[in-house]
Structure formats: C-alpha cells, structure tokens
C-alpha cells in the first residue's frame, strides 16, 4: 500500500494531511463530540487527551503517512475552512486492500460530507494507489452510517459479532461493506476531485 497524495479537493471539502498546528482545533472538536462518538468509535474511550498528547499523535500520524502504514487526513470545508472531521485509509486488512475510517463533527452532519469523504477515499484507493478492494466496517446499530456505503454501491458482504458487549449486554455487531476496483462507479456530483502532492 503506497499513497503519495497529501491533499484531496472535492466539490465541498479539502482533505489534507494533519499538521501539529491542527492539534488545538482537533482537540476542541473531539472533546465536543465525545459523548456522541462513544457508542460507535472504539478509540473514543481513550479521549480526552491533553493538547500536547494530541500534537504528538499528529506527529505519529505524519510518520505513519510517509512510512506507508496508514493515511490520516484532516477534513475541512472548502468554502469556510472550518474543521469537519478526520478520515483514514488503513492497510490492516491485507495486501491490495484498504479500509476507510472517518468521523464527522456533529456540527457538520447532515450535509453529505461522510459520503463525499468516503467517495474521495474510494476513488483515491482505486485510481491512485492501485488498490483492488475497499472496505468499510460499520457498527450494526449505526443506521445512519450504513446509508453511506449503500449510496456508493458497496456490497454488504456479512455481519459479525465481537467480544465486547454494548450497554444492554449484547455482543457488538459490525457490518462489512466491500467494493472491488471493477465495481467502482463514478458519482457525477462528487467527480470534481483533485489529488495533489503538497
């Protein structure tokens, strides 16, 4: 897995590699979103972090990016520059495969941004990185997130159970959504995408 694209511009968003100076806005928005994120995002239990720890984390993300381990992007509105969330491409599911991860600030939900992010990262994977298979893992309770891969014509391959349990004592379930390179279909409203090396 190799990716040299450090900046992606979509019709409404800019996805760019995080920088240490983003730590303050990242911490502020994460802290404000923690209660909402807690049921869906496993790493939310490790928050909140001190500001300096957040800067260190961003430095680690930069190192991971240039070492081709995983790719983290900050997401910002193109028109306002305001913080939207973050997104990732992980290579942990095997050769020729990427997994998309993202979260969107609750102040920016309902605008289609998660779908736009997922489309951009899917296109990046297939057209710039030579990836053959893109995956999304979504908590089976998160109906809103399930709509995103469905809109982009990912296939729901299976649902599996994990060891951890929810507040009601039920095992957590995750849906696995999959798209192969030959199945990728362009979505015209998102197609004005530029991949850049900054």
N, C-alpha and C. Protein backbone atom coordinates (compact mmCIF):
# COMPACT_ATOMS: atom_id res chain seq x y z
N UNK A 1 0.86 -1.18 0.00
CA UNK A 1 0.00 0.00 0.00
C UNK A 1 0.89 1.23 0.00
N UNK A 2 0.76 2.05 -1.04
CA UNK A 2 1.55 3.27 -1.12
C UNK A 2 0.67 4.41 -1.61
N UNK A 3 0.78 5.55 -0.92
CA UNK A 3 -0.03 6.72 -1.24
C UNK A 3 0.84 7.96 -1.11
N UNK A 4 0.92 8.73 -2.19
CA UNK A 4 1.72 9.96 -2.16
C UNK A 4 0.85 11.21 -2.18
N UNK A 5 -0.47 11.02 -2.12
CA UNK A 5 -1.40 12.16 -2.20
C UNK A 5 -1.62 12.74 -0.81
N UNK A 6 -1.15 13.95 -0.59
CA UNK A 6 -1.27 14.58 0.72
C UNK A 6 -2.44 15.55 0.82
N UNK A 7 -3.08 15.83 -0.31
CA UNK A 7 -4.20 16.79 -0.32
C UNK A 7 -5.21 16.35 -1.38
N UNK A 8 -6.48 16.31 -0.98
CA UNK A 8 -7.56 15.97 -1.88
C UNK A 8 -8.59 17.08 -1.81
N UNK A 9 -8.96 17.62 -2.97
CA UNK A 9 -10.01 18.63 -3.02
C UNK A 9 -11.22 18.04 -3.72
N UNK A 10 -12.35 18.05 -3.03
CA UNK A 10 -13.62 17.56 -3.56
C UNK A 10 -14.51 18.78 -3.81
N UNK A 11 -15.72 18.60 -4.32
CA UNK A 11 -16.56 19.79 -4.55
C UNK A 11 -16.75 20.66 -3.30
N UNK A 12 -16.86 20.05 -2.12
CA UNK A 12 -17.17 20.82 -0.91
C UNK A 12 -16.10 20.78 0.18
N UNK A 13 -15.10 19.91 0.01
CA UNK A 13 -14.18 19.63 1.11
C UNK A 13 -12.71 19.67 0.67
N UNK A 14 -11.86 19.86 1.66
CA UNK A 14 -10.43 19.65 1.50
C UNK A 14 -10.01 18.60 2.52
N UNK A 15 -9.41 17.54 2.03
CA UNK A 15 -8.80 16.52 2.89
C UNK A 15 -7.31 16.72 2.77
N UNK A 16 -6.64 16.96 3.88
CA UNK A 16 -5.19 17.17 3.82
C UNK A 16 -4.53 16.52 5.01
N UNK A 17 -3.26 16.21 4.85
CA UNK A 17 -2.50 15.60 5.93
C UNK A 17 -2.52 16.54 7.14
N UNK A 18 -2.77 15.98 8.30
CA UNK A 18 -2.77 16.78 9.52
C UNK A 18 -1.39 17.38 9.77
N UNK A 19 -1.37 18.54 10.41
CA UNK A 19 -0.14 19.20 10.84
C UNK A 19 -0.23 19.45 12.35
N UNK A 20 0.92 19.54 13.06
CA UNK A 20 0.87 19.75 14.52
C UNK A 20 0.03 20.96 14.94
N UNK A 21 -0.01 21.99 14.09
CA UNK A 21 -0.80 23.18 14.45
C UNK A 21 -2.31 22.92 14.38
N UNK A 22 -2.72 21.77 13.87
CA UNK A 22 -4.14 21.41 13.87
C UNK A 22 -4.57 20.81 15.22
N UNK A 23 -3.63 20.60 16.12
CA UNK A 23 -3.94 19.89 17.37
C UNK A 23 -5.03 20.60 18.18
N UNK A 24 -4.98 21.92 18.21
CA UNK A 24 -5.93 22.66 19.05
C UNK A 24 -7.36 22.49 18.56
N UNK A 25 -7.58 22.67 17.26
CA UNK A 25 -8.95 22.53 16.74
C UNK A 25 -9.39 21.07 16.79
N UNK A 26 -8.47 20.15 16.55
CA UNK A 26 -8.81 18.73 16.63
C UNK A 26 -9.26 18.36 18.05
N UNK A 27 -8.50 18.80 19.04
CA UNK A 27 -8.86 18.50 20.43
C UNK A 27 -10.19 19.15 20.80
N UNK A 28 -10.37 20.40 20.42
CA UNK A 28 -11.61 21.11 20.75
C UNK A 28 -12.82 20.38 20.19
N UNK A 29 -12.74 19.98 18.91
CA UNK A 29 -13.88 19.35 18.27
C UNK A 29 -14.09 17.91 18.76
N UNK A 30 -13.00 17.19 19.01
CA UNK A 30 -13.14 15.84 19.56
C UNK A 30 -13.79 15.89 20.94
N UNK A 31 -13.32 16.79 21.78
CA UNK A 31 -13.88 16.90 23.13
C UNK A 31 -15.37 17.20 23.08
N UNK A 32 -15.78 18.03 22.12
CA UNK A 32 -17.19 18.39 21.99
C UNK A 32 -18.04 17.25 21.41
N UNK A 33 -17.40 16.30 20.74
CA UNK A 33 -18.11 15.20 20.08
C UNK A 33 -18.06 13.88 20.85
N UNK A 34 -17.33 13.85 21.96
CA UNK A 34 -17.06 12.58 22.63
C UNK A 34 -18.32 11.81 23.01
N UNK A 35 -19.28 12.49 23.57
CA UNK A 35 -20.49 11.80 24.02
C UNK A 35 -21.21 11.12 22.85
N UNK A 36 -21.21 11.79 21.70
CA UNK A 36 -21.86 11.25 20.50
C UNK A 36 -21.05 10.09 19.92
N UNK A 37 -19.72 10.21 19.94
CA UNK A 37 -18.84 9.22 19.32
C UNK A 37 -18.71 7.94 20.14
N UNK A 38 -18.85 8.06 21.44
CA UNK A 38 -18.53 6.96 22.35
C UNK A 38 -19.19 5.62 21.97
N UNK A 39 -20.45 5.59 21.58
CA UNK A 39 -21.05 4.29 21.26
C UNK A 39 -20.52 3.65 19.98
N UNK A 40 -19.94 4.47 19.07
CA UNK A 40 -19.63 3.97 17.73
C UNK A 40 -18.14 3.80 17.45
N UNK A 41 -17.30 4.57 18.10
CA UNK A 41 -15.88 4.62 17.72
C UNK A 41 -15.03 4.12 18.88
N UNK A 42 -14.39 2.96 18.72
CA UNK A 42 -13.66 2.34 19.85
C UNK A 42 -12.61 3.24 20.47
N UNK A 43 -11.86 4.01 19.65
CA UNK A 43 -10.78 4.81 20.23
C UNK A 43 -11.27 6.01 21.02
N UNK A 44 -12.57 6.32 20.94
CA UNK A 44 -13.10 7.46 21.70
C UNK A 44 -12.94 7.25 23.21
N UNK A 45 -12.84 5.99 23.65
CA UNK A 45 -12.67 5.72 25.09
C UNK A 45 -11.34 6.24 25.60
N UNK A 46 -10.36 6.49 24.71
CA UNK A 46 -9.04 7.00 25.10
C UNK A 46 -9.00 8.52 25.18
N UNK A 47 -10.10 9.15 24.86
CA UNK A 47 -10.19 10.61 24.91
C UNK A 47 -10.87 11.03 26.22
N UNK A 48 -10.72 12.27 26.66
CA UNK A 48 -9.92 13.32 26.03
C UNK A 48 -8.43 13.20 26.36
N UNK A 49 -7.63 13.68 25.44
CA UNK A 49 -6.18 13.72 25.61
C UNK A 49 -5.74 15.16 25.88
N UNK A 50 -4.64 15.34 26.58
CA UNK A 50 -4.07 16.69 26.70
C UNK A 50 -3.63 17.20 25.33
N UNK A 51 -3.56 18.51 25.19
CA UNK A 51 -3.21 19.13 23.91
C UNK A 51 -1.86 18.63 23.39
N UNK A 52 -0.86 18.55 24.26
CA UNK A 52 0.46 18.12 23.79
C UNK A 52 0.44 16.67 23.32
N UNK A 53 -0.37 15.84 23.96
CA UNK A 53 -0.51 14.46 23.51
C UNK A 53 -1.15 14.42 22.13
N UNK A 54 -2.08 15.33 21.87
CA UNK A 54 -2.71 15.41 20.55
C UNK A 54 -1.68 15.82 19.51
N UNK A 55 -0.80 16.76 19.85
CA UNK A 55 0.27 17.14 18.91
C UNK A 55 1.18 15.94 18.61
N UNK A 56 1.52 15.20 19.65
CA UNK A 56 2.36 14.01 19.46
C UNK A 56 1.65 12.99 18.57
N UNK A 57 0.36 12.84 18.78
CA UNK A 57 -0.41 11.89 17.97
C UNK A 57 -0.37 12.30 16.50
N UNK A 58 -0.53 13.59 16.24
CA UNK A 58 -0.48 14.07 14.86
C UNK A 58 0.90 13.82 14.26
N UNK A 59 1.95 14.05 15.04
CA UNK A 59 3.29 13.76 14.53
C UNK A 59 3.43 12.28 14.18
N UNK A 60 2.84 11.42 15.00
CA UNK A 60 2.85 9.98 14.70
C UNK A 60 2.07 9.67 13.42
N UNK A 61 0.93 10.35 13.23
CA UNK A 61 0.16 10.16 12.00
C UNK A 61 0.97 10.57 10.77
N UNK A 62 1.71 11.67 10.90
CA UNK A 62 2.56 12.12 9.78
C UNK A 62 3.61 11.06 9.47
N UNK A 63 4.24 10.53 10.53
CA UNK A 63 5.21 9.46 10.34
C UNK A 63 4.61 8.23 9.69
N UNK A 64 3.40 7.85 10.13
CA UNK A 64 2.71 6.71 9.54
C UNK A 64 2.41 6.96 8.06
N UNK A 65 2.02 8.20 7.74
CA UNK A 65 1.69 8.54 6.36
C UNK A 65 2.90 8.32 5.46
N UNK A 66 4.03 8.91 5.84
CA UNK A 66 5.21 8.83 4.98
C UNK A 66 5.92 7.48 5.06
N UNK A 67 5.54 6.65 6.03
CA UNK A 67 6.05 5.28 6.10
C UNK A 67 5.10 4.28 5.44
N UNK A 68 4.01 4.79 4.87
CA UNK A 68 3.02 3.96 4.18
C UNK A 68 2.39 2.90 5.09
N UNK A 69 2.15 3.27 6.36
CA UNK A 69 1.46 2.37 7.28
C UNK A 69 -0.04 2.63 7.26
N UNK A 70 -0.43 3.89 7.43
CA UNK A 70 -1.82 4.30 7.28
C UNK A 70 -1.82 5.79 6.96
N UNK A 71 -2.96 6.26 6.46
CA UNK A 71 -3.02 7.63 5.96
C UNK A 71 -4.17 8.37 6.64
N UNK A 72 -3.80 9.40 7.40
CA UNK A 72 -4.80 10.20 8.13
C UNK A 72 -4.90 11.58 7.48
N UNK A 73 -6.14 12.01 7.26
CA UNK A 73 -6.40 13.33 6.68
C UNK A 73 -7.33 14.11 7.60
N UNK A 74 -7.00 15.39 7.81
CA UNK A 74 -7.96 16.31 8.39
C UNK A 74 -8.91 16.74 7.30
N UNK A 75 -10.17 16.95 7.65
CA UNK A 75 -11.19 17.33 6.67
C UNK A 75 -11.72 18.71 7.02
N UNK A 76 -11.75 19.59 6.02
CA UNK A 76 -12.15 20.98 6.21
C UNK A 76 -13.10 21.40 5.10
N UNK A 77 -14.03 22.29 5.43
CA UNK A 77 -14.91 22.83 4.40
C UNK A 77 -14.10 23.69 3.44
N UNK A 78 -14.34 23.51 2.17
CA UNK A 78 -13.61 24.29 1.17
C UNK A 78 -14.02 25.76 1.21
N UNK A 79 -15.30 26.03 1.43
CA UNK A 79 -15.80 27.42 1.36
C UNK A 79 -15.44 28.24 2.59
N UNK A 80 -15.39 27.60 3.76
CA UNK A 80 -15.17 28.35 5.02
C UNK A 80 -13.84 28.04 5.69
N UNK A 81 -13.22 26.92 5.36
CA UNK A 81 -12.01 26.48 6.05
C UNK A 81 -12.29 25.84 7.40
N UNK A 82 -13.58 25.72 7.77
CA UNK A 82 -13.92 25.17 9.08
C UNK A 82 -13.66 23.67 9.15
N UNK A 83 -13.29 23.22 10.34
CA UNK A 83 -13.00 21.81 10.59
C UNK A 83 -14.26 20.98 10.45
N UNK A 84 -14.16 19.85 9.75
CA UNK A 84 -15.30 18.95 9.54
C UNK A 84 -15.11 17.64 10.29
N UNK A 85 -13.88 17.13 10.31
CA UNK A 85 -13.63 15.84 10.95
C UNK A 85 -12.30 15.27 10.50
N UNK A 86 -12.20 13.95 10.55
CA UNK A 86 -10.97 13.31 10.08
C UNK A 86 -11.33 12.04 9.32
N UNK A 87 -10.38 11.57 8.53
CA UNK A 87 -10.60 10.37 7.73
C UNK A 87 -9.29 9.61 7.63
N UNK A 88 -9.42 8.31 7.38
CA UNK A 88 -8.23 7.45 7.34
C UNK A 88 -8.37 6.40 6.26
N UNK A 89 -7.22 5.98 5.77
CA UNK A 89 -7.11 4.76 4.98
C UNK A 89 -6.17 3.83 5.72
N UNK A 90 -6.67 2.65 6.06
CA UNK A 90 -5.88 1.66 6.80
C UNK A 90 -5.52 0.50 5.86
N UNK A 91 -4.33 -0.04 6.06
CA UNK A 91 -3.91 -1.20 5.28
C UNK A 91 -3.93 -2.49 6.08
N UNK A 92 -4.70 -2.53 7.15
CA UNK A 92 -4.63 -3.64 8.10
C UNK A 92 -5.43 -4.86 7.67
N UNK A 93 -6.09 -4.82 6.54
CA UNK A 93 -6.96 -5.94 6.13
C UNK A 93 -6.33 -6.80 5.04
N UNK A 94 -5.05 -6.60 4.75
CA UNK A 94 -4.37 -7.48 3.80
C UNK A 94 -3.91 -6.75 2.55
N UNK A 95 -3.06 -7.41 1.82
CA UNK A 95 -2.45 -6.85 0.60
C UNK A 95 -3.53 -6.52 -0.43
N UNK A 96 -3.36 -5.36 -1.08
CA UNK A 96 -4.29 -4.95 -2.12
C UNK A 96 -5.60 -4.42 -1.60
N UNK A 97 -5.67 -4.15 -0.29
CA UNK A 97 -6.92 -3.77 0.37
C UNK A 97 -6.72 -2.51 1.22
N UNK A 98 -7.70 -1.62 1.20
CA UNK A 98 -7.72 -0.52 2.16
C UNK A 98 -9.06 -0.54 2.89
N UNK A 99 -9.03 0.01 4.10
CA UNK A 99 -10.24 0.18 4.90
C UNK A 99 -10.41 1.67 5.17
N UNK A 100 -11.60 2.17 4.93
CA UNK A 100 -11.90 3.58 5.17
C UNK A 100 -12.44 3.77 6.59
N UNK A 101 -11.93 4.79 7.25
CA UNK A 101 -12.46 5.21 8.54
C UNK A 101 -12.68 6.72 8.51
N UNK A 102 -13.65 7.20 9.26
CA UNK A 102 -13.91 8.64 9.30
C UNK A 102 -14.76 8.97 10.53
N UNK A 103 -14.75 10.22 10.91
CA UNK A 103 -15.77 10.77 11.81
C UNK A 103 -16.02 12.22 11.40
N UNK A 104 -17.27 12.65 11.56
CA UNK A 104 -17.68 14.00 11.18
C UNK A 104 -18.23 14.70 12.41
N UNK A 105 -17.74 15.91 12.64
CA UNK A 105 -18.20 16.76 13.74
C UNK A 105 -19.73 16.87 13.72
N UNK A 106 -20.34 16.75 14.89
CA UNK A 106 -21.81 16.81 14.94
C UNK A 106 -22.36 18.13 14.42
N UNK A 107 -21.54 19.19 14.42
CA UNK A 107 -21.99 20.48 13.88
C UNK A 107 -22.04 20.47 12.35
N UNK A 108 -21.43 19.45 11.73
CA UNK A 108 -21.34 19.39 10.26
C UNK A 108 -22.07 18.19 9.67
N UNK A 109 -22.82 17.45 10.49
CA UNK A 109 -23.53 16.30 9.95
C UNK A 109 -24.77 16.75 9.17
N UNK A 110 -25.31 15.84 8.37
CA UNK A 110 -26.50 16.13 7.59
C UNK A 110 -26.23 16.86 6.30
N UNK A 111 -24.96 17.01 5.93
CA UNK A 111 -24.60 17.73 4.70
C UNK A 111 -24.04 16.81 3.62
N UNK A 112 -24.02 15.52 3.91
CA UNK A 112 -23.49 14.57 2.93
C UNK A 112 -21.98 14.47 2.94
N UNK A 113 -21.34 15.05 3.96
CA UNK A 113 -19.87 15.08 3.96
C UNK A 113 -19.26 13.69 4.13
N UNK A 114 -19.85 12.83 4.96
CA UNK A 114 -19.27 11.49 5.14
C UNK A 114 -19.31 10.70 3.84
N UNK A 115 -20.36 10.87 3.06
CA UNK A 115 -20.44 10.21 1.75
C UNK A 115 -19.39 10.77 0.80
N UNK A 116 -19.22 12.08 0.82
CA UNK A 116 -18.22 12.72 -0.05
C UNK A 116 -16.81 12.29 0.32
N UNK A 117 -16.53 12.20 1.62
CA UNK A 117 -15.22 11.72 2.09
C UNK A 117 -15.00 10.28 1.64
N UNK A 118 -15.99 9.42 1.85
CA UNK A 118 -15.85 8.01 1.50
C UNK A 118 -15.65 7.83 0.00
N UNK A 119 -16.37 8.62 -0.79
CA UNK A 119 -16.20 8.54 -2.24
C UNK A 119 -14.77 8.95 -2.63
N UNK A 120 -14.29 10.06 -2.07
CA UNK A 120 -12.94 10.53 -2.41
C UNK A 120 -11.88 9.50 -2.05
N UNK A 121 -12.01 8.86 -0.88
CA UNK A 121 -11.01 7.87 -0.47
C UNK A 121 -11.13 6.58 -1.27
N UNK A 122 -12.33 6.24 -1.69
CA UNK A 122 -12.51 5.08 -2.56
C UNK A 122 -11.85 5.33 -3.91
N UNK A 123 -12.11 6.49 -4.48
CA UNK A 123 -11.51 6.87 -5.77
C UNK A 123 -9.99 6.92 -5.67
N UNK A 124 -9.48 7.52 -4.58
CA UNK A 124 -8.04 7.56 -4.35
C UNK A 124 -7.46 6.15 -4.33
N UNK A 125 -8.11 5.25 -3.60
CA UNK A 125 -7.61 3.88 -3.46
C UNK A 125 -7.52 3.18 -4.81
N UNK A 126 -8.57 3.29 -5.61
CA UNK A 126 -8.61 2.57 -6.88
C UNK A 126 -7.78 3.25 -7.97
N UNK A 127 -7.87 4.57 -8.07
CA UNK A 127 -7.28 5.26 -9.22
C UNK A 127 -5.85 5.76 -8.99
N UNK A 128 -5.47 5.97 -7.74
CA UNK A 128 -4.14 6.49 -7.45
C UNK A 128 -3.22 5.48 -6.78
N UNK A 129 -3.79 4.55 -6.03
CA UNK A 129 -2.99 3.62 -5.24
C UNK A 129 -2.95 2.21 -5.82
N UNK A 130 -3.77 1.94 -6.81
CA UNK A 130 -3.80 0.60 -7.40
C UNK A 130 -4.40 -0.46 -6.49
N UNK A 131 -5.26 -0.03 -5.57
CA UNK A 131 -5.90 -0.96 -4.64
C UNK A 131 -6.98 -1.75 -5.38
N UNK A 132 -7.20 -2.99 -4.96
CA UNK A 132 -8.20 -3.85 -5.60
C UNK A 132 -9.50 -3.95 -4.81
N UNK A 133 -9.44 -3.68 -3.49
CA UNK A 133 -10.61 -3.92 -2.64
C UNK A 133 -10.65 -2.86 -1.54
N UNK A 134 -11.80 -2.20 -1.39
CA UNK A 134 -12.00 -1.19 -0.35
C UNK A 134 -13.10 -1.68 0.59
N UNK A 135 -12.87 -1.48 1.89
CA UNK A 135 -13.79 -1.97 2.92
C UNK A 135 -14.23 -0.84 3.84
N UNK A 136 -15.44 -0.96 4.35
CA UNK A 136 -15.89 -0.16 5.48
C UNK A 136 -16.47 -1.10 6.52
N UNK A 137 -16.08 -0.92 7.77
CA UNK A 137 -16.62 -1.67 8.90
C UNK A 137 -17.52 -0.73 9.68
N UNK A 138 -18.80 -1.08 9.83
CA UNK A 138 -19.76 -0.18 10.44
C UNK A 138 -20.54 -0.91 11.53
N UNK A 139 -20.62 -0.29 12.69
CA UNK A 139 -21.41 -0.84 13.80
C UNK A 139 -22.83 -1.07 13.30
N UNK A 140 -23.33 -2.27 13.52
CA UNK A 140 -24.66 -2.65 13.01
C UNK A 140 -25.78 -1.80 13.61
N UNK A 141 -25.53 -1.13 14.75
CA UNK A 141 -26.54 -0.26 15.35
C UNK A 141 -26.58 1.11 14.69
N UNK A 142 -25.55 1.44 13.93
CA UNK A 142 -25.40 2.79 13.37
C UNK A 142 -26.06 2.87 11.99
N UNK A 143 -27.36 3.03 12.00
CA UNK A 143 -28.14 3.01 10.76
C UNK A 143 -27.73 4.15 9.82
N UNK A 144 -27.45 5.32 10.37
CA UNK A 144 -27.06 6.46 9.54
C UNK A 144 -25.79 6.17 8.75
N UNK A 145 -24.80 5.55 9.40
CA UNK A 145 -23.55 5.25 8.72
C UNK A 145 -23.71 4.15 7.67
N UNK A 146 -24.66 3.26 7.86
CA UNK A 146 -24.89 2.19 6.89
C UNK A 146 -25.37 2.75 5.55
N UNK A 147 -26.01 3.91 5.57
CA UNK A 147 -26.51 4.51 4.32
C UNK A 147 -25.37 4.95 3.41
N UNK A 148 -24.21 5.25 4.00
CA UNK A 148 -23.11 5.81 3.20
C UNK A 148 -22.57 4.80 2.19
N UNK A 149 -22.10 3.61 2.60
CA UNK A 149 -21.63 2.66 1.58
C UNK A 149 -22.75 2.22 0.65
N UNK A 150 -23.98 2.16 1.15
CA UNK A 150 -25.10 1.77 0.29
C UNK A 150 -25.28 2.78 -0.85
N UNK A 151 -25.15 4.08 -0.54
CA UNK A 151 -25.28 5.12 -1.57
C UNK A 151 -24.19 5.00 -2.63
N UNK A 152 -23.02 4.52 -2.23
CA UNK A 152 -21.88 4.43 -3.13
C UNK A 152 -21.77 3.07 -3.82
N UNK A 153 -22.80 2.23 -3.63
CA UNK A 153 -22.87 0.91 -4.27
C UNK A 153 -21.85 -0.09 -3.75
N UNK A 154 -21.44 0.06 -2.49
CA UNK A 154 -20.70 -1.01 -1.82
C UNK A 154 -21.68 -2.15 -1.56
N UNK A 155 -21.16 -3.36 -1.48
CA UNK A 155 -21.98 -4.53 -1.16
C UNK A 155 -21.83 -4.86 0.31
N UNK A 156 -22.95 -5.10 0.99
CA UNK A 156 -22.90 -5.58 2.38
C UNK A 156 -22.62 -7.07 2.33
N UNK A 157 -21.38 -7.45 2.64
CA UNK A 157 -20.97 -8.84 2.49
C UNK A 157 -21.40 -9.71 3.66
N UNK A 158 -21.20 -9.22 4.90
CA UNK A 158 -21.60 -10.02 6.06
C UNK A 158 -21.60 -9.16 7.31
N UNK A 159 -22.19 -9.70 8.37
CA UNK A 159 -22.20 -9.09 9.70
C UNK A 159 -21.57 -10.08 10.67
N UNK A 160 -20.70 -9.60 11.55
CA UNK A 160 -20.06 -10.49 12.52
C UNK A 160 -20.15 -9.91 13.92
N UNK A 161 -19.96 -10.76 14.91
CA UNK A 161 -20.02 -10.34 16.30
C UNK A 161 -18.62 -10.26 16.91
N UNK A 162 -18.45 -9.33 17.85
CA UNK A 162 -17.18 -9.12 18.53
C UNK A 162 -17.31 -9.55 20.00
N UNK A 163 -16.17 -9.62 20.68
CA UNK A 163 -16.17 -9.95 22.10
C UNK A 163 -16.84 -8.89 22.97
N UNK A 164 -16.55 -7.58 22.75
CA UNK A 164 -17.16 -6.57 23.63
C UNK A 164 -18.68 -6.58 23.53
N UNK A 165 -19.31 -6.12 24.62
CA UNK A 165 -20.76 -6.05 24.68
C UNK A 165 -21.22 -4.59 24.79
N UNK A 166 -22.43 -4.33 24.35
CA UNK A 166 -23.00 -3.00 24.49
C UNK A 166 -23.59 -2.82 25.90
N UNK A 167 -24.21 -1.67 26.12
CA UNK A 167 -24.76 -1.36 27.46
C UNK A 167 -25.85 -2.32 27.89
N UNK A 168 -26.49 -2.98 26.93
CA UNK A 168 -27.55 -3.95 27.24
C UNK A 168 -27.02 -5.38 27.38
N UNK A 169 -25.69 -5.54 27.28
CA UNK A 169 -25.09 -6.86 27.42
C UNK A 169 -25.08 -7.69 26.15
N UNK A 170 -25.41 -7.08 25.03
CA UNK A 170 -25.39 -7.78 23.74
C UNK A 170 -24.02 -7.63 23.10
N UNK A 171 -23.55 -8.68 22.43
CA UNK A 171 -22.28 -8.60 21.70
C UNK A 171 -22.39 -7.54 20.60
N UNK A 172 -21.33 -6.76 20.45
CA UNK A 172 -21.31 -5.77 19.38
C UNK A 172 -21.27 -6.48 18.03
N UNK A 173 -22.02 -5.94 17.08
CA UNK A 173 -22.05 -6.49 15.72
C UNK A 173 -21.54 -5.44 14.75
N UNK A 174 -20.79 -5.90 13.76
CA UNK A 174 -20.27 -5.00 12.73
C UNK A 174 -20.63 -5.52 11.35
N UNK A 175 -21.03 -4.58 10.50
CA UNK A 175 -21.27 -4.91 9.10
C UNK A 175 -20.00 -4.65 8.31
N UNK A 176 -19.72 -5.51 7.36
CA UNK A 176 -18.58 -5.34 6.46
C UNK A 176 -19.12 -5.03 5.07
N UNK A 177 -18.77 -3.85 4.57
CA UNK A 177 -19.18 -3.40 3.24
C UNK A 177 -17.95 -3.41 2.33
N UNK A 178 -18.11 -3.91 1.12
CA UNK A 178 -16.96 -4.17 0.23
C UNK A 178 -17.24 -3.64 -1.17
N UNK A 179 -16.19 -3.10 -1.77
CA UNK A 179 -16.22 -2.78 -3.20
C UNK A 179 -14.88 -3.19 -3.82
N UNK A 180 -14.95 -3.85 -4.97
CA UNK A 180 -13.77 -4.18 -5.74
C UNK A 180 -13.57 -3.14 -6.84
N UNK A 181 -12.33 -3.01 -7.32
CA UNK A 181 -11.97 -1.96 -8.27
C UNK A 181 -12.89 -1.95 -9.49
N UNK A 182 -13.22 -3.13 -10.01
CA UNK A 182 -14.04 -3.19 -11.23
C UNK A 182 -15.50 -2.80 -10.98
N UNK A 183 -15.88 -2.67 -9.72
CA UNK A 183 -17.26 -2.31 -9.37
C UNK A 183 -17.43 -0.81 -9.13
N UNK A 184 -16.34 -0.06 -9.12
CA UNK A 184 -16.40 1.37 -8.80
C UNK A 184 -17.18 2.12 -9.87
N UNK A 185 -18.17 2.86 -9.43
CA UNK A 185 -18.98 3.68 -10.34
C UNK A 185 -18.83 5.14 -9.96
N UNK A 186 -18.58 5.98 -10.96
CA UNK A 186 -18.42 7.40 -10.69
C UNK A 186 -19.75 8.03 -10.30
N UNK A 187 -19.69 8.94 -9.33
CA UNK A 187 -20.85 9.71 -8.90
C UNK A 187 -20.61 11.14 -9.35
N UNK A 188 -21.38 11.59 -10.34
CA UNK A 188 -21.09 12.86 -11.00
C UNK A 188 -20.97 14.03 -10.04
N UNK A 189 -21.83 14.08 -9.02
CA UNK A 189 -21.81 15.26 -8.13
C UNK A 189 -20.54 15.34 -7.29
N UNK A 190 -19.79 14.24 -7.19
CA UNK A 190 -18.52 14.24 -6.43
C UNK A 190 -17.29 14.22 -7.34
N UNK A 191 -17.50 14.19 -8.66
CA UNK A 191 -16.38 13.88 -9.56
C UNK A 191 -15.36 15.00 -9.71
N UNK A 192 -15.69 16.23 -9.29
CA UNK A 192 -14.72 17.31 -9.39
C UNK A 192 -13.70 17.16 -8.27
N UNK A 193 -12.84 16.15 -8.39
CA UNK A 193 -11.87 15.82 -7.34
C UNK A 193 -10.47 16.05 -7.90
N UNK A 194 -9.64 16.70 -7.10
CA UNK A 194 -8.22 16.88 -7.46
C UNK A 194 -7.37 16.21 -6.41
N UNK A 195 -6.43 15.41 -6.88
CA UNK A 195 -5.44 14.76 -6.00
C UNK A 195 -4.14 15.53 -6.13
N UNK A 196 -3.59 15.95 -5.00
CA UNK A 196 -2.40 16.82 -5.04
C UNK A 196 -1.30 16.32 -4.14
N UNK A 197 -0.08 16.65 -4.52
CA UNK A 197 1.08 16.46 -3.67
C UNK A 197 1.48 17.83 -3.18
N UNK A 198 1.26 18.12 -1.89
CA UNK A 198 1.58 19.45 -1.39
C UNK A 198 3.03 19.53 -0.94
